[in-house]
PDB file of all heavy atoms in Angstrom:
ATOM      1  N   ASP A   1       0.820  -1.205   0.000  1.00  0.00           N
ATOM      2  CA  ASP A   1       0.000   0.000   0.000  1.00  0.00           C
ATOM      3  C   ASP A   1       0.856   1.258   0.000  1.00  0.00           C
ATOM      4  O   ASP A   1       0.517   2.253  -0.653  1.00  0.00           O
ATOM      5  CB  ASP A   1      -0.935   0.011   1.211  1.00  0.00           C
ATOM      6  CG  ASP A   1      -2.027  -1.044   1.095  1.00  0.00           C
ATOM      7  OD1 ASP A   1      -2.294  -1.483  -0.039  1.00  0.00           O
ATOM      8  OD2 ASP A   1      -2.595  -1.426   2.141  1.00  0.00           O
ATOM      9  N   VAL A   2       1.965   1.225   0.749  1.00  0.00           N
ATOM     10  CA  VAL A   2       2.840   2.391   0.805  1.00  0.00           C
ATOM     11  C   VAL A   2       3.413   2.689  -0.576  1.00  0.00           C
ATOM     12  O   VAL A   2       3.439   3.839  -1.032  1.00  0.00           O
ATOM     13  CB  VAL A   2       3.973   2.168   1.831  1.00  0.00           C
ATOM     14  CG1 VAL A   2       4.971   3.317   1.785  1.00  0.00           C
ATOM     15  CG2 VAL A   2       3.397   2.022   3.228  1.00  0.00           C
ATOM     16  N   ILE A   3       3.879   1.636  -1.256  1.00  0.00           N
ATOM     17  CA  ILE A   3       4.454   1.816  -2.590  1.00  0.00           C
ATOM     18  C   ILE A   3       3.384   2.304  -3.563  1.00  0.00           C
ATOM     19  O   ILE A   3       3.641   3.185  -4.395  1.00  0.00           O
ATOM     20  CB  ILE A   3       5.087   0.501  -3.078  1.00  0.00           C
ATOM     21  CG1 ILE A   3       6.287   0.132  -2.186  1.00  0.00           C
ATOM     22  CG2 ILE A   3       5.523   0.608  -4.527  1.00  0.00           C
ATOM     23  CD1 ILE A   3       6.872  -1.232  -2.471  1.00  0.00           C
ATOM     24  N   LYS A   4       2.182   1.743  -3.440  1.00  0.00           N
ATOM     25  CA  LYS A   4       1.091   2.166  -4.318  1.00  0.00           C
ATOM     26  C   LYS A   4       0.787   3.643  -4.135  1.00  0.00           C
ATOM     27  O   LYS A   4       0.629   4.391  -5.108  1.00  0.00           O
ATOM     28  CB  LYS A   4      -0.158   1.334  -4.013  1.00  0.00           C
ATOM     29  CG  LYS A   4      -1.368   1.699  -4.845  1.00  0.00           C
ATOM     30  CD  LYS A   4      -2.559   0.823  -4.471  1.00  0.00           C
ATOM     31  CE  LYS A   4      -3.788   1.203  -5.296  1.00  0.00           C
ATOM     32  NZ  LYS A   4      -4.972   0.370  -4.915  1.00  0.00           N
ATOM     33  N   ASN A   5       0.735   4.077  -2.876  1.00  0.00           N
ATOM     34  CA  ASN A   5       0.456   5.490  -2.609  1.00  0.00           C
ATOM     35  C   ASN A   5       1.621   6.380  -3.031  1.00  0.00           C
ATOM     36  O   ASN A   5       1.411   7.518  -3.467  1.00  0.00           O
ATOM     37  CB  ASN A   5       0.150   5.690  -1.126  1.00  0.00           C
ATOM     38  CG  ASN A   5      -1.194   5.111  -0.732  1.00  0.00           C
ATOM     39  OD1 ASN A   5      -2.168   5.236  -1.461  1.00  0.00           O
ATOM     40  ND2 ASN A   5      -1.247   4.455   0.410  1.00  0.00           N
ATOM     41  N   PHE A   6       2.842   5.865  -2.912  1.00  0.00           N
ATOM     42  CA  PHE A   6       4.008   6.635  -3.336  1.00  0.00           C
ATOM     43  C   PHE A   6       3.976   6.868  -4.848  1.00  0.00           C
ATOM     44  O   PHE A   6       4.186   7.981  -5.327  1.00  0.00           O
ATOM     45  CB  PHE A   6       5.293   5.906  -2.936  1.00  0.00           C
ATOM     46  CG  PHE A   6       6.546   6.577  -3.433  1.00  0.00           C
ATOM     47  CD1 PHE A   6       7.106   7.624  -2.748  1.00  0.00           C
ATOM     48  CD2 PHE A   6       7.164   6.156  -4.606  1.00  0.00           C
ATOM     49  CE1 PHE A   6       8.254   8.256  -3.195  1.00  0.00           C
ATOM     50  CE2 PHE A   6       8.311   6.770  -5.072  1.00  0.00           C
ATOM     51  CZ  PHE A   6       8.855   7.820  -4.358  1.00  0.00           C
ATOM     52  N   VAL A   7       3.689   5.783  -5.585  1.00  0.00           N
ATOM     53  CA  VAL A   7       3.600   5.918  -7.048  1.00  0.00           C
ATOM     54  C   VAL A   7       2.474   6.882  -7.420  1.00  0.00           C
ATOM     55  O   VAL A   7       2.622   7.716  -8.326  1.00  0.00           O
ATOM     56  CB  VAL A   7       3.383   4.538  -7.702  1.00  0.00           C
ATOM     57  CG1 VAL A   7       3.121   4.688  -9.190  1.00  0.00           C
ATOM     58  CG2 VAL A   7       4.600   3.653  -7.469  1.00  0.00           C
ATOM     59  N   SER A   8       1.350   6.799  -6.709  1.00  0.00           N
ATOM     60  CA  SER A   8       0.244   7.722  -6.968  1.00  0.00           C
ATOM     61  C   SER A   8       0.661   9.162  -6.691  1.00  0.00           C
ATOM     62  O   SER A   8       0.271  10.088  -7.415  1.00  0.00           O
ATOM     63  CB  SER A   8      -0.960   7.349  -6.104  1.00  0.00           C
ATOM     64  OG  SER A   8      -1.438   6.055  -6.408  1.00  0.00           O
ATOM     65  N   GLY A   9       1.476   9.352  -5.631  1.00  0.00           N
ATOM     66  CA  GLY A   9       1.972  10.694  -5.340  1.00  0.00           C
ATOM     67  C   GLY A   9       2.847  11.231  -6.453  1.00  0.00           C
ATOM     68  O   GLY A   9       2.800  12.427  -6.773  1.00  0.00           O
ATOM     69  N   VAL A  10       3.639  10.352  -7.064  1.00  0.00           N
ATOM     70  CA  VAL A  10       4.471  10.774  -8.203  1.00  0.00           C
ATOM     71  C   VAL A  10       3.575  11.203  -9.371  1.00  0.00           C
ATOM     72  O   VAL A  10       3.835  12.209 -10.037  1.00  0.00           O
ATOM     73  CB  VAL A  10       5.414   9.632  -8.627  1.00  0.00           C
ATOM     74  CG1 VAL A  10       6.149   9.996  -9.913  1.00  0.00           C
ATOM     75  CG2 VAL A  10       6.416   9.339  -7.516  1.00  0.00           C
ATOM     76  N   PHE A  11       2.502  10.435  -9.614  1.00  0.00           N
ATOM     77  CA  PHE A  11       1.581  10.801 -10.693  1.00  0.00           C
ATOM     78  C   PHE A  11       0.911  12.142 -10.413  1.00  0.00           C
ATOM     79  O   PHE A  11       0.720  12.949 -11.327  1.00  0.00           O
ATOM     80  CB  PHE A  11       0.518   9.711 -10.879  1.00  0.00           C
ATOM     81  CG  PHE A  11       1.046   8.455 -11.509  1.00  0.00           C
ATOM     82  CD1 PHE A  11       0.478   7.221 -11.220  1.00  0.00           C
ATOM     83  CD2 PHE A  11       2.109   8.496 -12.385  1.00  0.00           C
ATOM     84  CE1 PHE A  11       0.957   6.063 -11.805  1.00  0.00           C
ATOM     85  CE2 PHE A  11       2.604   7.352 -12.974  1.00  0.00           C
ATOM     86  CZ  PHE A  11       2.031   6.123 -12.683  1.00  0.00           C
ATOM     87  N   ILE A  12       0.533  12.378  -9.156  1.00  0.00           N
ATOM     88  CA  ILE A  12      -0.078  13.670  -8.813  1.00  0.00           C
ATOM     89  C   ILE A  12       0.918  14.797  -9.063  1.00  0.00           C
ATOM     90  O   ILE A  12       0.558  15.868  -9.570  1.00  0.00           O
ATOM     91  CB  ILE A  12      -0.543  13.661  -7.344  1.00  0.00           C
ATOM     92  CG1 ILE A  12      -1.734  12.716  -7.165  1.00  0.00           C
ATOM     93  CG2 ILE A  12      -0.924  15.073  -6.878  1.00  0.00           C
ATOM     94  CD1 ILE A  12      -2.168  12.537  -5.732  1.00  0.00           C
ATOM     95  N   PHE A  13       2.172  14.542  -8.733  1.00  0.00           N
ATOM     96  CA  PHE A  13       3.203  15.566  -8.926  1.00  0.00           C
ATOM     97  C   PHE A  13       3.455  15.849 -10.404  1.00  0.00           C
ATOM     98  O   PHE A  13       3.617  17.000 -10.813  1.00  0.00           O
ATOM     99  CB  PHE A  13       4.499  15.111  -8.249  1.00  0.00           C
ATOM    100  CG  PHE A  13       5.669  16.002  -8.522  1.00  0.00           C
ATOM    101  CD1 PHE A  13       5.736  17.277  -7.988  1.00  0.00           C
ATOM    102  CD2 PHE A  13       6.708  15.588  -9.336  1.00  0.00           C
ATOM    103  CE1 PHE A  13       6.816  18.109  -8.251  1.00  0.00           C
ATOM    104  CE2 PHE A  13       7.791  16.394  -9.608  1.00  0.00           C
ATOM    105  CZ  PHE A  13       7.841  17.668  -9.055  1.00  0.00           C
ATOM    106  N   THR A  14       3.451  14.789 -11.234  1.00  0.00           N
ATOM    107  CA  THR A  14       3.764  14.980 -12.655  1.00  0.00           C
ATOM    108  C   THR A  14       2.541  15.403 -13.471  1.00  0.00           C
ATOM    109  O   THR A  14       2.639  16.269 -14.343  1.00  0.00           O
ATOM    110  CB  THR A  14       4.354  13.690 -13.244  1.00  0.00           C
ATOM    111  OG1 THR A  14       3.441  12.600 -13.013  1.00  0.00           O
ATOM    112  CG2 THR A  14       5.699  13.365 -12.597  1.00  0.00           C
ATOM    113  N   ASP A  15       1.389  14.788 -13.201  1.00  0.00           N
ATOM    114  CA  ASP A  15       0.184  15.096 -13.980  1.00  0.00           C
ATOM    115  C   ASP A  15      -0.496  16.385 -13.524  1.00  0.00           C
ATOM    116  O   ASP A  15      -1.228  17.004 -14.291  1.00  0.00           O
ATOM    117  CB  ASP A  15      -0.817  13.946 -13.899  1.00  0.00           C
ATOM    118  CG  ASP A  15      -0.288  12.669 -14.527  1.00  0.00           C
ATOM    119  OD1 ASP A  15       0.690  12.764 -15.295  1.00  0.00           O
ATOM    120  OD2 ASP A  15      -0.835  11.586 -14.245  1.00  0.00           O
ATOM    121  N   ARG A  16      -0.314  16.738 -12.288  1.00  0.00           N
ATOM    122  CA  ARG A  16      -0.856  17.967 -11.707  1.00  0.00           C
ATOM    123  C   ARG A  16      -2.377  18.100 -11.913  1.00  0.00           C
ATOM    124  O   ARG A  16      -2.864  19.087 -12.451  1.00  0.00           O
ATOM    125  CB  ARG A  16      -0.149  19.196 -12.289  1.00  0.00           C
ATOM    126  CG  ARG A  16       1.342  19.218 -12.032  1.00  0.00           C
ATOM    127  CD  ARG A  16       1.988  20.447 -12.622  1.00  0.00           C
ATOM    128  NE  ARG A  16       1.501  21.652 -11.971  1.00  0.00           N
ATOM    129  CZ  ARG A  16       1.845  22.885 -12.358  1.00  0.00           C
ATOM    130  NH1 ARG A  16       2.650  23.051 -13.389  1.00  0.00           N
ATOM    131  NH2 ARG A  16       1.368  23.925 -11.724  1.00  0.00           N
ATOM    132  N   PRO A  17      -3.145  17.085 -11.467  1.00  0.00           N
ATOM    133  CA  PRO A  17      -4.602  17.242 -11.546  1.00  0.00           C
ATOM    134  C   PRO A  17      -5.114  18.308 -10.593  1.00  0.00           C
ATOM    135  O   PRO A  17      -6.211  18.837 -10.777  1.00  0.00           O
ATOM    136  CB  PRO A  17      -5.120  15.844 -11.159  1.00  0.00           C
ATOM    137  CG  PRO A  17      -4.032  15.289 -10.292  1.00  0.00           C
ATOM    138  CD  PRO A  17      -2.740  15.817 -10.862  1.00  0.00           C
ATOM    139  N   PHE A  18      -4.357  18.594  -9.564  1.00  0.00           N
ATOM    140  CA  PHE A  18      -4.674  19.675  -8.630  1.00  0.00           C
ATOM    141  C   PHE A  18      -3.387  20.091  -7.940  1.00  0.00           C
ATOM    142  O   PHE A  18      -2.356  19.419  -8.042  1.00  0.00           O
ATOM    143  CB  PHE A  18      -5.720  19.219  -7.600  1.00  0.00           C
ATOM    144  CG  PHE A  18      -5.346  17.964  -6.852  1.00  0.00           C
ATOM    145  CD1 PHE A  18      -4.514  18.004  -5.754  1.00  0.00           C
ATOM    146  CD2 PHE A  18      -5.815  16.731  -7.275  1.00  0.00           C
ATOM    147  CE1 PHE A  18      -4.162  16.848  -5.073  1.00  0.00           C
ATOM    148  CE2 PHE A  18      -5.464  15.561  -6.608  1.00  0.00           C
ATOM    149  CZ  PHE A  18      -4.645  15.627  -5.507  1.00  0.00           C
ATOM    150  N   LYS A  19      -3.439  21.215  -7.249  1.00  0.00           N
ATOM    151  CA  LYS A  19      -2.266  21.707  -6.532  1.00  0.00           C
ATOM    152  C   LYS A  19      -2.698  22.235  -5.168  1.00  0.00           C
ATOM    153  O   LYS A  19      -3.894  22.318  -4.873  1.00  0.00           O
ATOM    154  CB  LYS A  19      -1.564  22.809  -7.336  1.00  0.00           C
ATOM    155  CG  LYS A  19      -2.422  24.019  -7.663  1.00  0.00           C
ATOM    156  CD  LYS A  19      -1.634  25.006  -8.523  1.00  0.00           C
ATOM    157  CE  LYS A  19      -2.453  26.260  -8.816  1.00  0.00           C
ATOM    158  NZ  LYS A  19      -3.642  25.963  -9.640  1.00  0.00           N
ATOM    159  N   ILE A  20      -1.724  22.576  -4.340  1.00  0.00           N
ATOM    160  CA  ILE A  20      -2.031  23.098  -3.012  1.00  0.00           C
ATOM    161  C   ILE A  20      -2.847  24.385  -3.146  1.00  0.00           C
ATOM    162  O   ILE A  20      -2.508  25.267  -3.921  1.00  0.00           O
ATOM    163  CB  ILE A  20      -0.729  23.359  -2.223  1.00  0.00           C
ATOM    164  CG1 ILE A  20      -0.035  22.032  -1.897  1.00  0.00           C
ATOM    165  CG2 ILE A  20      -1.017  24.123  -0.924  1.00  0.00           C
ATOM    166  CD1 ILE A  20       1.304  22.178  -1.228  1.00  0.00           C
ATOM    167  N   GLY A  21      -3.926  24.451  -2.378  1.00  0.00           N
ATOM    168  CA  GLY A  21      -4.818  25.600  -2.432  1.00  0.00           C
ATOM    169  C   GLY A  21      -6.040  25.385  -3.300  1.00  0.00           C
ATOM    170  O   GLY A  21      -6.974  26.191  -3.253  1.00  0.00           O
ATOM    171  N   ASP A  22      -6.069  24.291  -4.095  1.00  0.00           N
ATOM    172  CA  ASP A  22      -7.219  24.018  -4.958  1.00  0.00           C
ATOM    173  C   ASP A  22      -8.377  23.433  -4.151  1.00  0.00           C
ATOM    174  O   ASP A  22      -8.178  22.723  -3.159  1.00  0.00           O
ATOM    175  CB  ASP A  22      -6.841  23.038  -6.068  1.00  0.00           C
ATOM    176  CG  ASP A  22      -6.182  23.731  -7.250  1.00  0.00           C
ATOM    177  OD1 ASP A  22      -6.014  24.959  -7.194  1.00  0.00           O
ATOM    178  OD2 ASP A  22      -5.817  23.035  -8.219  1.00  0.00           O
ATOM    179  N   TRP A  23      -9.563  23.690  -4.620  1.00  0.00           N
ATOM    180  CA  TRP A  23     -10.776  23.086  -4.075  1.00  0.00           C
ATOM    181  C   TRP A  23     -11.082  21.873  -4.941  1.00  0.00           C
ATOM    182  O   TRP A  23     -11.283  22.002  -6.149  1.00  0.00           O
ATOM    183  CB  TRP A  23     -11.889  24.124  -4.081  1.00  0.00           C
ATOM    184  CG  TRP A  23     -13.284  23.597  -4.088  1.00  0.00           C
ATOM    185  CD1 TRP A  23     -13.734  22.382  -3.660  1.00  0.00           C
ATOM    186  CD2 TRP A  23     -14.449  24.295  -4.560  1.00  0.00           C
ATOM    187  NE1 TRP A  23     -15.080  22.277  -3.832  1.00  0.00           N
ATOM    188  CE2 TRP A  23     -15.556  23.422  -4.373  1.00  0.00           C
ATOM    189  CE3 TRP A  23     -14.664  25.555  -5.095  1.00  0.00           C
ATOM    190  CZ2 TRP A  23     -16.841  23.788  -4.724  1.00  0.00           C
ATOM    191  CZ3 TRP A  23     -15.953  25.906  -5.439  1.00  0.00           C
ATOM    192  CH2 TRP A  23     -17.021  25.038  -5.250  1.00  0.00           C
ATOM    193  N   ILE A  24     -11.089  20.671  -4.331  1.00  0.00           N
ATOM    194  CA  ILE A  24     -11.336  19.447  -5.085  1.00  0.00           C
ATOM    195  C   ILE A  24     -12.512  18.686  -4.485  1.00  0.00           C
ATOM    196  O   ILE A  24     -12.846  18.847  -3.308  1.00  0.00           O
ATOM    197  CB  ILE A  24     -10.087  18.532  -5.134  1.00  0.00           C
ATOM    198  CG1 ILE A  24      -9.714  18.045  -3.729  1.00  0.00           C
ATOM    199  CG2 ILE A  24      -8.923  19.243  -5.803  1.00  0.00           C
ATOM    200  CD1 ILE A  24      -8.619  16.995  -3.729  1.00  0.00           C
ATOM    201  N   GLU A  25     -13.122  17.828  -5.322  1.00  0.00           N
ATOM    202  CA  GLU A  25     -14.215  16.968  -4.898  1.00  0.00           C
ATOM    203  C   GLU A  25     -13.913  15.553  -5.380  1.00  0.00           C
ATOM    204  O   GLU A  25     -13.515  15.361  -6.531  1.00  0.00           O
ATOM    205  CB  GLU A  25     -15.545  17.451  -5.482  1.00  0.00           C
ATOM    206  CG  GLU A  25     -15.932  18.864  -5.029  1.00  0.00           C
ATOM    207  CD  GLU A  25     -17.187  19.369  -5.722  1.00  0.00           C
ATOM    208  OE1 GLU A  25     -17.730  18.637  -6.575  1.00  0.00           O
ATOM    209  OE2 GLU A  25     -17.611  20.506  -5.426  1.00  0.00           O
ATOM    210  N   TRP A  26     -14.103  14.558  -4.508  1.00  0.00           N
ATOM    211  CA  TRP A  26     -13.848  13.159  -4.878  1.00  0.00           C
ATOM    212  C   TRP A  26     -14.658  12.249  -3.959  1.00  0.00           C
ATOM    213  O   TRP A  26     -14.794  12.503  -2.772  1.00  0.00           O
ATOM    214  CB  TRP A  26     -12.350  12.837  -4.750  1.00  0.00           C
ATOM    215  CG  TRP A  26     -11.920  12.535  -3.340  1.00  0.00           C
ATOM    216  CD1 TRP A  26     -11.705  11.304  -2.775  1.00  0.00           C
ATOM    217  CD2 TRP A  26     -11.691  13.499  -2.286  1.00  0.00           C
ATOM    218  NE1 TRP A  26     -11.355  11.436  -1.451  1.00  0.00           N
ATOM    219  CE2 TRP A  26     -11.343  12.768  -1.136  1.00  0.00           C
ATOM    220  CE3 TRP A  26     -11.770  14.889  -2.206  1.00  0.00           C
ATOM    221  CZ2 TRP A  26     -11.047  13.394   0.081  1.00  0.00           C
ATOM    222  CZ3 TRP A  26     -11.482  15.511  -1.004  1.00  0.00           C
ATOM    223  CH2 TRP A  26     -11.124  14.772   0.113  1.00  0.00           C
ATOM    224  N   ASP A  27     -15.208  11.208  -4.505  1.00  0.00           N
ATOM    225  CA  ASP A  27     -15.853  10.135  -3.746  1.00  0.00           C
ATOM    226  C   ASP A  27     -16.766  10.674  -2.640  1.00  0.00           C
ATOM    227  O   ASP A  27     -16.751  10.178  -1.509  1.00  0.00           O
ATOM    228  CB  ASP A  27     -14.771   9.216  -3.148  1.00  0.00           C
ATOM    229  CG  ASP A  27     -15.365   7.882  -2.677  1.00  0.00           C
ATOM    230  OD1 ASP A  27     -16.443   7.511  -3.186  1.00  0.00           O
ATOM    231  OD2 ASP A  27     -14.768   7.240  -1.794  1.00  0.00           O
ATOM    232  N   GLY A  28     -17.554  11.695  -2.941  1.00  0.00           N
ATOM    233  CA  GLY A  28     -18.491  12.243  -1.965  1.00  0.00           C
ATOM    234  C   GLY A  28     -17.882  13.214  -0.978  1.00  0.00           C
ATOM    235  O   GLY A  28     -18.575  13.725  -0.091  1.00  0.00           O
ATOM    236  N   GLU A  29     -16.591  13.482  -1.069  1.00  0.00           N
ATOM    237  CA  GLU A  29     -15.917  14.418  -0.170  1.00  0.00           C
ATOM    238  C   GLU A  29     -15.458  15.644  -0.958  1.00  0.00           C
ATOM    239  O   GLU A  29     -15.323  15.598  -2.188  1.00  0.00           O
ATOM    240  CB  GLU A  29     -14.686  13.759   0.488  1.00  0.00           C
ATOM    241  CG  GLU A  29     -14.997  12.513   1.300  1.00  0.00           C
ATOM    242  CD  GLU A  29     -15.616  12.837   2.637  1.00  0.00           C
ATOM    243  OE1 GLU A  29     -15.697  14.042   2.987  1.00  0.00           O
ATOM    244  OE2 GLU A  29     -16.009  11.889   3.342  1.00  0.00           O
ATOM    245  N   SER A  30     -15.202  16.734  -0.244  1.00  0.00           N
ATOM    246  CA  SER A  30     -14.689  17.937  -0.899  1.00  0.00           C
ATOM    247  C   SER A  30     -13.936  18.773   0.122  1.00  0.00           C
ATOM    248  O   SER A  30     -14.154  18.657   1.335  1.00  0.00           O
ATOM    249  CB  SER A  30     -15.835  18.763  -1.507  1.00  0.00           C
ATOM    250  OG  SER A  30     -16.742  19.200  -0.504  1.00  0.00           O
ATOM    251  N   GLY A  31     -13.027  19.609  -0.366  1.00  0.00           N
ATOM    252  CA  GLY A  31     -12.255  20.465   0.523  1.00  0.00           C
ATOM    253  C   GLY A  31     -11.119  21.146  -0.215  1.00  0.00           C
ATOM    254  O   GLY A  31     -10.998  21.040  -1.439  1.00  0.00           O
ATOM    255  N   ILE A  32     -10.276  21.849   0.560  1.00  0.00           N
ATOM    256  CA  ILE A  32      -9.143  22.589   0.024  1.00  0.00           C
ATOM    257  C   ILE A  32      -7.857  21.806   0.306  1.00  0.00           C
ATOM    258  O   ILE A  32      -7.604  21.399   1.448  1.00  0.00           O
ATOM    259  CB  ILE A  32      -9.045  23.992   0.663  1.00  0.00           C
ATOM    260  CG1 ILE A  32     -10.359  24.763   0.476  1.00  0.00           C
ATOM    261  CG2 ILE A  32      -7.884  24.765   0.072  1.00  0.00           C
ATOM    262  CD1 ILE A  32     -10.720  25.048  -0.958  1.00  0.00           C
ATOM    263  N   VAL A  33      -7.044  21.604  -0.715  1.00  0.00           N
ATOM    264  CA  VAL A  33      -5.781  20.862  -0.560  1.00  0.00           C
ATOM    265  C   VAL A  33      -4.785  21.720   0.217  1.00  0.00           C
ATOM    266  O   VAL A  33      -4.477  22.840  -0.181  1.00  0.00           O
ATOM    267  CB  VAL A  33      -5.194  20.495  -1.933  1.00  0.00           C
ATOM    268  CG1 VAL A  33      -3.888  19.713  -1.762  1.00  0.00           C
ATOM    269  CG2 VAL A  33      -6.194  19.683  -2.742  1.00  0.00           C
ATOM    270  N   GLU A  34      -4.287  21.185   1.335  1.00  0.00           N
ATOM    271  CA  GLU A  34      -3.315  21.910   2.152  1.00  0.00           C
ATOM    272  C   GLU A  34      -1.897  21.363   1.997  1.00  0.00           C
ATOM    273  O   GLU A  34      -0.929  22.088   2.206  1.00  0.00           O
ATOM    274  CB  GLU A  34      -3.715  21.860   3.631  1.00  0.00           C
ATOM    275  CG  GLU A  34      -4.953  22.677   3.958  1.00  0.00           C
ATOM    276  CD  GLU A  34      -5.120  22.904   5.447  1.00  0.00           C
ATOM    277  OE1 GLU A  34      -4.382  22.262   6.233  1.00  0.00           O
ATOM    278  OE2 GLU A  34      -5.972  23.720   5.828  1.00  0.00           O
ATOM    279  N   ASP A  35      -1.767  20.084   1.651  1.00  0.00           N
ATOM    280  CA  ASP A  35      -0.420  19.510   1.540  1.00  0.00           C
ATOM    281  C   ASP A  35      -0.477  18.275   0.649  1.00  0.00           C
ATOM    282  O   ASP A  35      -1.462  17.527   0.667  1.00  0.00           O
ATOM    283  CB  ASP A  35       0.120  19.132   2.926  1.00  0.00           C
ATOM    284  CG  ASP A  35       1.539  18.572   2.858  1.00  0.00           C
ATOM    285  OD1 ASP A  35       2.388  19.218   2.219  1.00  0.00           O
ATOM    286  OD2 ASP A  35       1.791  17.490   3.417  1.00  0.00           O
ATOM    287  N   ILE A  36       0.578  18.077  -0.139  1.00  0.00           N
ATOM    288  CA  ILE A  36       0.723  16.889  -0.979  1.00  0.00           C
ATOM    289  C   ILE A  36       2.082  16.281  -0.667  1.00  0.00           C
ATOM    290  O   ILE A  36       3.116  16.903  -0.923  1.00  0.00           O
ATOM    291  CB  ILE A  36       0.630  17.231  -2.482  1.00  0.00           C
ATOM    292  CG1 ILE A  36      -0.686  17.939  -2.802  1.00  0.00           C
ATOM    293  CG2 ILE A  36       0.763  15.969  -3.323  1.00  0.00           C
ATOM    294  CD1 ILE A  36      -0.747  18.487  -4.217  1.00  0.00           C
ATOM    295  N   SER A  37       2.086  15.081  -0.094  1.00  0.00           N
ATOM    296  CA  SER A  37       3.341  14.410   0.225  1.00  0.00           C
ATOM    297  C   SER A  37       3.463  13.152  -0.627  1.00  0.00           C
ATOM    298  O   SER A  37       2.633  12.881  -1.490  1.00  0.00           O
ATOM    299  CB  SER A  37       3.402  14.062   1.719  1.00  0.00           C
ATOM    300  OG  SER A  37       2.415  13.112   2.047  1.00  0.00           O
ATOM    301  N   PHE A  38       4.505  12.360  -0.356  1.00  0.00           N
ATOM    302  CA  PHE A  38       4.731  11.167  -1.167  1.00  0.00           C
ATOM    303  C   PHE A  38       3.627  10.133  -0.987  1.00  0.00           C
ATOM    304  O   PHE A  38       3.251   9.455  -1.939  1.00  0.00           O
ATOM    305  CB  PHE A  38       6.063  10.515  -0.806  1.00  0.00           C
ATOM    306  CG  PHE A  38       7.250  11.302  -1.267  1.00  0.00           C
ATOM    307  CD1 PHE A  38       8.245  11.678  -0.381  1.00  0.00           C
ATOM    308  CD2 PHE A  38       7.377  11.671  -2.591  1.00  0.00           C
ATOM    309  CE1 PHE A  38       9.333  12.409  -0.811  1.00  0.00           C
ATOM    310  CE2 PHE A  38       8.464  12.394  -3.033  1.00  0.00           C
ATOM    311  CZ  PHE A  38       9.450  12.761  -2.133  1.00  0.00           C
ATOM    312  N   ARG A  39       3.104  10.000   0.223  1.00  0.00           N
ATOM    313  CA  ARG A  39       2.140   8.928   0.503  1.00  0.00           C
ATOM    314  C   ARG A  39       0.711   9.417   0.595  1.00  0.00           C
ATOM    315  O   ARG A  39      -0.215   8.738   0.168  1.00  0.00           O
ATOM    316  CB  ARG A  39       2.530   8.212   1.810  1.00  0.00           C
ATOM    317  CG  ARG A  39       1.764   6.932   2.068  1.00  0.00           C
ATOM    318  CD  ARG A  39       2.227   6.271   3.349  1.00  0.00           C
ATOM    319  NE  ARG A  39       1.918   7.101   4.510  1.00  0.00           N
ATOM    320  CZ  ARG A  39       0.746   7.090   5.146  1.00  0.00           C
ATOM    321  NH1 ARG A  39      -0.221   6.289   4.731  1.00  0.00           N
ATOM    322  NH2 ARG A  39       0.531   7.865   6.185  1.00  0.00           N
ATOM    323  N   VAL A  40       0.494  10.588   1.187  1.00  0.00           N
ATOM    324  CA  VAL A  40      -0.866  11.087   1.417  1.00  0.00           C
ATOM    325  C   VAL A  40      -0.967  12.555   1.016  1.00  0.00           C
ATOM    326  O   VAL A  40       0.040  13.249   0.871  1.00  0.00           O
ATOM    327  CB  VAL A  40      -1.266  10.941   2.904  1.00  0.00           C
ATOM    328  CG1 VAL A  40      -1.249   9.489   3.337  1.00  0.00           C
ATOM    329  CG2 VAL A  40      -0.345  11.776   3.796  1.00  0.00           C
ATOM    330  N   SER A  41      -2.211  12.971   0.842  1.00  0.00           N
ATOM    331  CA  SER A  41      -2.514  14.391   0.660  1.00  0.00           C
ATOM    332  C   SER A  41      -3.437  14.801   1.801  1.00  0.00           C
ATOM    333  O   SER A  41      -4.259  14.001   2.263  1.00  0.00           O
ATOM    334  CB  SER A  41      -3.196  14.651  -0.690  1.00  0.00           C
ATOM    335  OG  SER A  41      -2.329  14.342  -1.751  1.00  0.00           O
ATOM    336  N   ARG A  42      -3.313  16.037   2.251  1.00  0.00           N
ATOM    337  CA  ARG A  42      -4.136  16.529   3.360  1.00  0.00           C
ATOM    338  C   ARG A  42      -5.092  17.586   2.831  1.00  0.00           C
ATOM    339  O   ARG A  42      -4.660  18.547   2.192  1.00  0.00           O
ATOM    340  CB  ARG A  42      -3.261  17.067   4.484  1.00  0.00           C
ATOM    341  CG  ARG A  42      -2.474  15.959   5.174  1.00  0.00           C
ATOM    342  CD  ARG A  42      -1.475  16.466   6.200  1.00  0.00           C
ATOM    343  NE  ARG A  42      -0.813  15.353   6.863  1.00  0.00           N
ATOM    344  CZ  ARG A  42       0.240  14.707   6.381  1.00  0.00           C
ATOM    345  NH1 ARG A  42       0.750  15.079   5.215  1.00  0.00           N
ATOM    346  NH2 ARG A  42       0.780  13.693   7.040  1.00  0.00           N
TER     347      ARG A  42
END
């Protein structure tokens, strides 16, 4: 799971579907991105 999330973090970094400060919605949740790390986003 850690490796899977790490690879996903690399894709987020390269594809840039969103960035820090963006308002995003996913899977019934929504909010403002405060941090993007290798494993998780806050």
